[in-house]
């Protein structure tokens, strides 16, 4: 009687009821546990990703810092002369140096003016066979001066890089702040570190030289080039193969150099560019000579790291070939000189700067 008045279900029923409740509770626990595992997994992956990015960024910072300190000079940079606040100019020489030949002809010669206010740059390139006639200097091909200055270094006591900077400052009518020399291997390594470069090869190209192992063999059309082939593409002048391919002149070479530089800017912003940044920093350091202070190199990286290729104005100066020289078109040369001065005065790149947006849509 008492048991019936208690209102409790019979023992058997209670056991069955508790079993059903247990199954429902177990199902809820399994669902809850599954969701927790899922979120824990996602969270773990996010944490690993963040840590990985942090470690990689740290590696790049550490690598860049080491290489920059080893490559640049130890001189101090006054705050008002920092590339972050002051426009600067640089002479860039791309030499044909490689151990097999030991030559130092400057196959690439560019003058770069950069302005931190407009976040823009002007790059003027000259043909290597340009006839240079300048007071105080013996008339010669443009690419012969650097090796001649190198040969005279011991006697004159003046670094060849300083001689080049002085001469080109006088030629362009502006003060060139710095000079940087990059050799063939440095160019190869940069392209390879960025995962190669996409270009539209304008013609079949074939040239071989057993003296230094050069083997240029490119087909017309869109190509993805590694460092070795990209170097061949920008260097190609004539063919010694059978059948011969069409040759090219200094103006073609300058145009291709600018094309590859534009493509490298694109590639540097891609995933391959991010993953290859460490190798780029390391390879450049091994194959580069500059009078930039280490601190100024860091200032330049900070000021121009996100520069858009639309804000880089390439101006190759052309001319007429009359063996053994290229005679520059004076109107183009004067326009190039003015463009460099405009860049330094903040008159170039203003349209892009005033838009307030970068190429990727981010506000400056």
Protein backbone atom coordinates (compact mmCIF):
# COMPACT_ATOMS: atom_id res chain seq x y z
CA UNK A 1 0.00 0.00 0.00
CA UNK A 2 2.62 2.45 1.01
CA UNK A 3 4.64 1.71 -2.04
CA UNK A 4 1.69 2.44 -4.24
CA UNK A 5 0.96 5.73 -2.52
CA UNK A 6 4.49 6.89 -2.97
CA UNK A 7 3.72 7.70 -6.61
CA UNK A 8 7.00 6.15 -7.74
CA UNK A 9 6.84 3.89 -10.76
CA UNK A 10 7.37 0.20 -10.27
CA UNK A 11 11.06 -0.76 -10.12
CA UNK A 12 11.01 -2.39 -13.54
CA UNK A 13 9.40 0.59 -15.21
CA UNK A 14 11.80 2.94 -13.52
CA UNK A 15 14.73 0.98 -14.86
CA UNK A 16 13.35 1.03 -18.35
CA UNK A 17 12.64 4.76 -18.12
CA UNK A 18 16.12 5.51 -16.85
CA UNK A 19 17.63 3.55 -19.72
CA UNK A 20 15.78 5.64 -22.27
CA UNK A 21 16.80 8.83 -20.53
CA UNK A 22 20.37 7.58 -20.42
CA UNK A 23 20.40 7.02 -24.18
CA UNK A 24 19.04 10.51 -24.84
CA UNK A 25 21.59 12.02 -22.50
CA UNK A 26 24.35 10.00 -24.11
CA UNK A 27 23.29 11.20 -27.55
CA UNK A 28 23.33 14.81 -26.39
CA UNK A 29 26.76 14.29 -24.85
CA UNK A 30 28.08 12.73 -28.05
CA UNK A 31 26.72 15.62 -30.10
CA UNK A 32 28.12 18.15 -27.66
CA UNK A 33 31.42 16.32 -27.54
CA UNK A 34 31.57 16.19 -31.35
CA UNK A 35 30.92 19.93 -31.65
CA UNK A 36 33.54 20.65 -29.03
CA UNK A 37 36.07 18.50 -30.84
CA UNK A 38 35.26 20.28 -34.10
CA UNK A 39 35.69 23.76 -32.60
CA UNK A 40 38.79 22.66 -30.73
CA UNK A 41 40.26 21.41 -34.01
CA UNK A 42 39.40 24.63 -35.85
CA UNK A 43 40.79 26.71 -32.98
CA UNK A 44 43.94 24.61 -32.91
CA UNK A 45 44.45 25.07 -36.65
CA UNK A 46 43.90 28.82 -36.33
CA UNK A 47 46.38 29.02 -33.47
CA UNK A 48 48.92 26.95 -35.42
CA UNK A 49 48.35 29.19 -38.43
CA UNK A 50 48.80 32.37 -36.42
CA UNK A 51 51.87 31.02 -34.70
CA UNK A 52 53.23 29.81 -38.07
CA UNK A 53 52.72 33.22 -39.65
CA UNK A 54 54.27 34.86 -36.61
CA UNK A 55 57.27 32.58 -36.69
CA UNK A 56 57.69 33.08 -40.43
CA UNK A 57 57.38 36.86 -40.08
CA UNK A 58 59.91 36.65 -37.28
CA UNK A 59 62.21 34.61 -39.49
CA UNK A 60 61.92 37.16 -42.30
CA UNK A 61 62.56 40.03 -39.92
CA UNK A 62 65.56 38.24 -38.43
CA UNK A 63 66.88 37.23 -41.87
CA UNK A 64 66.33 40.68 -43.37
CA UNK A 65 67.93 42.33 -40.39
CA UNK A 66 71.01 40.10 -40.60
CA UNK A 67 71.42 40.48 -44.35
CA UNK A 68 70.78 44.23 -44.35
CA UNK A 69 73.26 44.79 -41.53
CA UNK A 70 75.84 42.73 -43.41
CA UNK A 71 75.15 44.35 -46.80
CA UNK A 72 74.63 48.03 -45.97
CA UNK A 73 77.15 50.42 -44.48
CA UNK A 74 77.24 51.28 -40.81
CA UNK A 75 76.77 55.01 -41.34
CA UNK A 76 74.12 56.97 -39.44
CA UNK A 77 71.07 58.41 -41.22
CA UNK A 78 69.75 61.71 -39.92
CA UNK A 79 65.95 61.64 -39.34
CA UNK A 80 65.37 64.37 -41.94
CA UNK A 81 67.29 62.32 -44.54
CA UNK A 82 65.36 59.11 -43.96
CA UNK A 83 63.80 57.57 -47.08
CA UNK A 84 60.55 57.53 -45.12
CA UNK A 85 60.34 61.32 -45.29
CA UNK A 86 62.77 62.43 -48.02
CA UNK A 87 62.81 61.60 -51.77
CA UNK A 88 65.97 59.72 -52.75
CA UNK A 89 67.73 58.70 -55.94
CA UNK A 90 69.70 55.58 -56.75
CA UNK A 91 71.86 54.35 -59.61
CA UNK A 92 71.26 50.65 -60.28
CA UNK A 93 73.89 48.71 -62.21
CA UNK A 94 73.32 45.15 -63.38
CA UNK A 95 76.73 43.72 -64.24
CA UNK A 96 77.63 40.68 -66.31
CA UNK A 97 79.99 39.43 -63.61
CA UNK A 98 80.25 35.67 -63.14
CA UNK A 99 83.27 33.63 -62.01
CA UNK A 100 83.75 32.05 -65.44
CA UNK A 101 84.55 35.39 -67.13
CA UNK A 102 85.40 37.85 -64.36
CA UNK A 103 84.00 40.75 -66.42
CA UNK A 104 82.09 43.69 -64.91
CA UNK A 105 80.35 45.31 -67.89
CA UNK A 106 77.18 47.07 -66.78
CA UNK A 107 74.57 45.51 -69.06
CA UNK A 108 71.77 47.20 -67.09
CA UNK A 109 71.90 50.85 -66.08
CA UNK A 110 68.94 52.53 -64.41
CA UNK A 111 68.45 55.70 -62.40
CA UNK A 112 65.61 55.51 -59.87
CA UNK A 113 63.91 58.43 -58.12
CA UNK A 114 61.52 57.59 -55.24
CA UNK A 115 59.17 59.86 -53.34
CA UNK A 116 57.62 58.75 -50.02
CA UNK A 117 54.87 61.38 -50.15
CA UNK A 118 53.44 60.15 -53.46
CA UNK A 119 54.48 56.52 -52.84
CA UNK A 120 55.76 56.46 -56.43
CA UNK A 121 58.98 55.97 -58.36
CA UNK A 122 60.44 56.87 -61.76
CA UNK A 123 62.90 54.47 -63.39
CA UNK A 124 64.98 55.67 -66.36
CA UNK A 125 67.01 53.08 -68.24
CA UNK A 126 69.76 53.70 -70.79
CA UNK A 127 71.07 51.37 -73.53
CA UNK A 128 74.38 49.73 -72.62
CA UNK A 129 76.03 50.90 -75.88
CA UNK A 130 75.08 54.55 -75.33
CA UNK A 131 77.80 56.93 -76.50
CA UNK A 132 78.62 59.07 -73.48
CA UNK A 133 80.22 62.44 -74.15
CA UNK A 134 80.67 64.36 -70.93
CA UNK A 135 83.15 67.03 -69.83
CA UNK A 136 85.92 65.51 -67.75
CA UNK A 137 85.41 61.99 -69.11
CA UNK A 138 86.84 60.15 -72.09
CA UNK A 139 84.15 59.30 -74.66
CA UNK A 140 83.19 55.65 -74.39
CA UNK A 141 80.32 53.17 -74.33
CA UNK A 142 78.23 53.58 -71.21
CA UNK A 143 78.75 50.00 -70.04
CA UNK A 144 82.56 50.32 -70.16
CA UNK A 145 82.93 52.97 -67.46
CA UNK A 146 82.30 50.79 -64.41
CA UNK A 147 84.97 48.16 -65.24
CA UNK A 148 87.39 50.98 -66.14
CA UNK A 149 86.76 52.66 -62.80
CA UNK A 150 87.26 49.31 -61.07
CA UNK A 151 90.64 48.89 -62.79
CA UNK A 152 91.68 52.38 -61.66
CA UNK A 153 90.53 52.01 -58.04
CA UNK A 154 93.95 51.10 -56.59
CA UNK A 155 95.63 54.05 -58.26
CA UNK A 156 92.91 56.65 -57.76
CA UNK A 157 91.75 55.50 -54.34
CA UNK A 158 88.17 56.31 -55.37
CA UNK A 159 85.64 53.44 -55.36
CA UNK A 160 84.22 52.63 -58.80
CA UNK A 161 80.71 52.96 -57.39
CA UNK A 162 81.44 56.52 -56.25
CA UNK A 163 82.90 57.40 -59.67
CA UNK A 164 79.76 56.08 -61.37
CA UNK A 165 77.51 58.02 -59.02
CA UNK A 166 79.43 61.24 -59.63
CA UNK A 167 79.44 60.79 -63.41
CA UNK A 168 75.74 59.92 -63.71
CA UNK A 169 74.74 62.76 -61.36
CA UNK A 170 76.45 65.14 -63.76
CA UNK A 171 74.91 63.45 -66.79
CA UNK A 172 71.31 63.64 -65.49
CA UNK A 173 71.66 66.99 -63.75
CA UNK A 174 70.48 65.66 -60.37
CA UNK A 175 72.20 64.52 -57.21
CA UNK A 176 72.27 60.72 -57.09
CA UNK A 177 72.28 59.65 -53.44
CA UNK A 178 73.19 55.99 -53.72
CA UNK A 179 74.47 53.29 -56.05
CA UNK A 180 73.70 49.58 -56.01
CA UNK A 181 75.41 46.89 -58.09
CA UNK A 182 73.68 43.53 -58.66
CA UNK A 183 75.35 40.72 -60.61
CA UNK A 184 73.89 38.02 -62.85
CA UNK A 185 73.64 35.42 -60.10
CA UNK A 186 71.71 37.81 -57.88
CA UNK A 187 69.14 38.31 -60.64
CA UNK A 188 68.79 34.54 -61.16
CA UNK A 189 68.35 33.90 -57.46
CA UNK A 190 65.71 36.60 -57.02
CA UNK A 191 63.58 35.22 -59.86
CA UNK A 192 63.92 31.65 -58.57
CA UNK A 193 63.11 32.70 -55.01
CA UNK A 194 59.89 34.27 -56.28
CA UNK A 195 58.94 31.03 -58.03
CA UNK A 196 59.76 32.23 -61.55
CA UNK A 197 58.19 34.98 -63.64
CA UNK A 198 55.48 35.09 -66.32
CA UNK A 199 56.37 36.93 -69.54
CA UNK A 200 55.19 36.97 -73.13
CA UNK A 201 58.34 36.10 -75.09
CA UNK A 202 58.14 38.21 -78.25
CA UNK A 203 60.25 35.94 -80.51
CA UNK A 204 62.21 32.70 -80.62
CA UNK A 205 65.64 33.19 -79.06
CA UNK A 206 68.65 30.91 -79.32
CA UNK A 207 72.23 31.62 -78.26
CA UNK A 208 74.96 29.46 -76.75
CA UNK A 209 78.31 30.35 -75.21
CA UNK A 210 80.51 27.57 -73.88
CA UNK A 211 82.82 30.07 -72.15
CA UNK A 212 80.32 30.75 -69.38
CA UNK A 213 77.71 28.05 -69.98
CA UNK A 214 75.10 30.41 -71.45
CA UNK A 215 72.32 28.47 -73.17
CA UNK A 216 69.43 30.68 -74.27
CA UNK A 217 66.69 28.66 -75.96
CA UNK A 218 63.30 30.34 -75.69
CA UNK A 219 60.15 29.93 -77.77
CA UNK A 220 57.78 32.72 -78.73
CA UNK A 221 54.66 33.02 -76.60
CA UNK A 222 53.61 33.21 -72.99
CA UNK A 223 56.17 31.49 -70.77
CA UNK A 224 56.86 30.90 -67.10
CA UNK A 225 60.61 31.46 -66.81
CA UNK A 226 63.01 30.41 -64.09
CA UNK A 227 65.97 32.59 -63.11
CA UNK A 228 68.33 31.26 -65.77
CA UNK A 229 65.81 31.66 -68.60
CA UNK A 230 64.68 35.10 -67.38
CA UNK A 231 68.30 36.23 -67.44
CA UNK A 232 68.65 34.92 -70.99
CA UNK A 233 65.45 36.74 -71.95
CA UNK A 234 66.68 40.15 -70.76
CA UNK A 235 70.23 39.61 -72.11
CA UNK A 236 69.51 38.17 -75.57
CA UNK A 237 71.03 40.12 -78.46
CA UNK A 238 71.99 37.78 -81.28
CA UNK A 239 71.86 34.15 -82.35
CA UNK A 240 74.67 31.73 -83.13
CA UNK A 241 72.42 28.68 -83.49
CA UNK A 242 71.31 26.81 -86.56
CA UNK A 243 68.77 27.84 -87.68
CA UNK A 244 69.45 31.35 -86.42
CA UNK A 245 66.76 33.27 -84.58
CA UNK A 246 66.06 36.97 -85.04
CA UNK A 247 68.44 39.25 -83.15
CA UNK A 248 67.51 42.21 -80.94
CA UNK A 249 69.06 45.55 -80.03
CA UNK A 250 69.61 47.51 -76.83
CA UNK A 251 66.14 49.00 -77.03
CA UNK A 252 64.56 45.53 -77.12
CA UNK A 253 66.68 44.57 -74.13
CA UNK A 254 65.60 47.63 -72.15
CA UNK A 255 61.97 46.95 -72.98
CA UNK A 256 62.31 43.33 -71.83
CA UNK A 257 64.10 44.42 -68.64
CA UNK A 258 61.19 46.70 -67.79
CA UNK A 259 58.71 43.94 -68.65
CA UNK A 260 60.43 41.50 -66.29
CA UNK A 261 60.67 44.09 -63.50
CA UNK A 262 56.94 44.75 -63.80
CA UNK A 263 56.25 41.01 -63.70
CA UNK A 264 58.48 40.60 -60.65
CA UNK A 265 56.49 43.27 -58.81
CA UNK A 266 53.36 41.21 -59.49
CA UNK A 267 55.06 37.99 -58.47
CA UNK A 268 56.40 39.50 -55.25
CA UNK A 269 52.80 40.14 -54.17
CA UNK A 270 51.69 36.57 -54.89
CA UNK A 271 51.83 33.58 -52.54
CA UNK A 272 55.11 32.50 -54.13
CA UNK A 273 56.46 35.94 -53.42
CA UNK A 274 55.57 35.68 -49.74
CA UNK A 275 57.00 32.20 -49.39
CA UNK A 276 60.14 33.15 -51.29
CA UNK A 277 60.81 36.40 -49.46
CA UNK A 278 63.40 34.84 -47.18
CA UNK A 279 65.34 33.42 -50.11
CA UNK A 280 65.12 36.75 -51.94
CA UNK A 281 66.61 38.56 -48.98
CA UNK A 282 69.39 35.99 -48.61
CA UNK A 283 70.23 35.81 -52.34
CA UNK A 284 70.33 39.57 -52.82
CA UNK A 285 72.66 39.95 -49.87
CA UNK A 286 75.19 37.56 -51.42
CA UNK A 287 75.24 39.22 -54.81
CA UNK A 288 74.84 42.91 -54.11
CA UNK A 289 77.16 45.83 -53.44
CA UNK A 290 75.79 49.15 -52.25
CA UNK A 291 76.71 52.32 -50.40
CA UNK A 292 73.28 52.44 -48.75
CA UNK A 293 73.42 52.60 -44.99
CA UNK A 294 71.80 49.58 -43.33
CA UNK A 295 69.32 51.87 -41.60
CA UNK A 296 68.42 53.56 -44.89
CA UNK A 297 67.81 50.16 -46.49
CA UNK A 298 65.31 49.43 -43.72
CA UNK A 299 63.73 52.86 -44.21
CA UNK A 300 63.26 52.13 -47.93
CA UNK A 301 61.65 48.76 -47.20
CA UNK A 302 59.24 50.37 -44.73
CA UNK A 303 58.40 53.27 -47.05
CA UNK A 304 57.94 51.35 -50.31
CA UNK A 305 57.10 47.74 -49.35
CA UNK A 306 53.54 48.03 -50.71
CA UNK A 307 54.26 50.23 -53.73
CA UNK A 308 51.95 49.45 -56.65
CA UNK A 309 53.39 48.76 -60.08
CA UNK A 310 51.01 51.43 -61.42
CA UNK A 311 53.01 53.91 -59.37
CA UNK A 312 56.31 52.87 -60.94
CA UNK A 313 56.92 54.78 -64.17
CA UNK A 314 59.46 53.05 -66.44
CA UNK A 315 61.09 55.31 -69.01
CA UNK A 316 63.52 53.54 -71.35
CA UNK A 317 65.46 56.07 -73.44
CA UNK A 318 65.99 54.94 -77.02
CA UNK A 319 68.23 56.16 -79.85
CA UNK A 320 69.82 55.31 -83.17
CA UNK A 321 72.39 52.56 -83.59
CA UNK A 322 75.45 53.57 -85.58
CA UNK A 323 78.21 51.08 -84.89
CA UNK A 324 79.69 50.92 -82.34
CA UNK A 325 77.43 53.31 -80.42
CA UNK A 326 73.82 54.13 -79.67
CA UNK A 327 73.11 57.83 -80.12
CA UNK A 328 70.30 58.75 -77.73
CA UNK A 329 67.22 60.62 -78.89
CA UNK A 330 67.70 63.96 -77.15
CA UNK A 331 64.00 64.67 -76.75
CA UNK A 332 63.53 61.39 -74.89
CA UNK A 333 66.60 62.02 -72.75
CA UNK A 334 65.40 65.50 -71.77
CA UNK A 335 61.94 64.12 -70.95
CA UNK A 336 63.54 61.44 -68.76
CA UNK A 337 65.67 64.00 -66.93
CA UNK A 338 62.59 66.14 -66.29
CA UNK A 339 60.60 63.13 -65.08
CA UNK A 340 63.27 62.36 -62.48
CA UNK A 341 63.23 65.98 -61.27
CA UNK A 342 59.40 65.96 -61.16
CA UNK A 343 59.46 62.80 -59.07
CA UNK A 344 61.82 64.38 -56.56
CA UNK A 345 59.65 67.52 -56.45
CA UNK A 346 56.51 65.47 -55.77
CA UNK A 347 54.92 66.26 -59.13
CA UNK A 348 54.90 62.65 -60.36
CA UNK A 349 52.52 59.94 -59.22
CA UNK A 350 50.17 62.51 -57.68
CA UNK A 351 47.10 61.07 -59.41
CA UNK A 352 47.63 57.70 -57.76
CA UNK A 353 48.55 59.22 -54.41
CA UNK A 354 45.48 61.48 -54.35
CA UNK A 355 43.14 58.58 -55.08
CA UNK A 356 43.73 57.42 -51.51
CA UNK A 357 43.68 53.77 -52.47
CA UNK A 358 46.37 51.25 -53.23
CA UNK A 359 46.17 48.58 -55.90
CA UNK A 360 44.60 46.07 -53.50
CA UNK A 361 41.93 48.53 -52.44
CA UNK A 362 43.49 49.43 -49.09
CA UNK A 363 43.44 53.05 -48.03
CA UNK A 364 46.88 54.67 -47.82
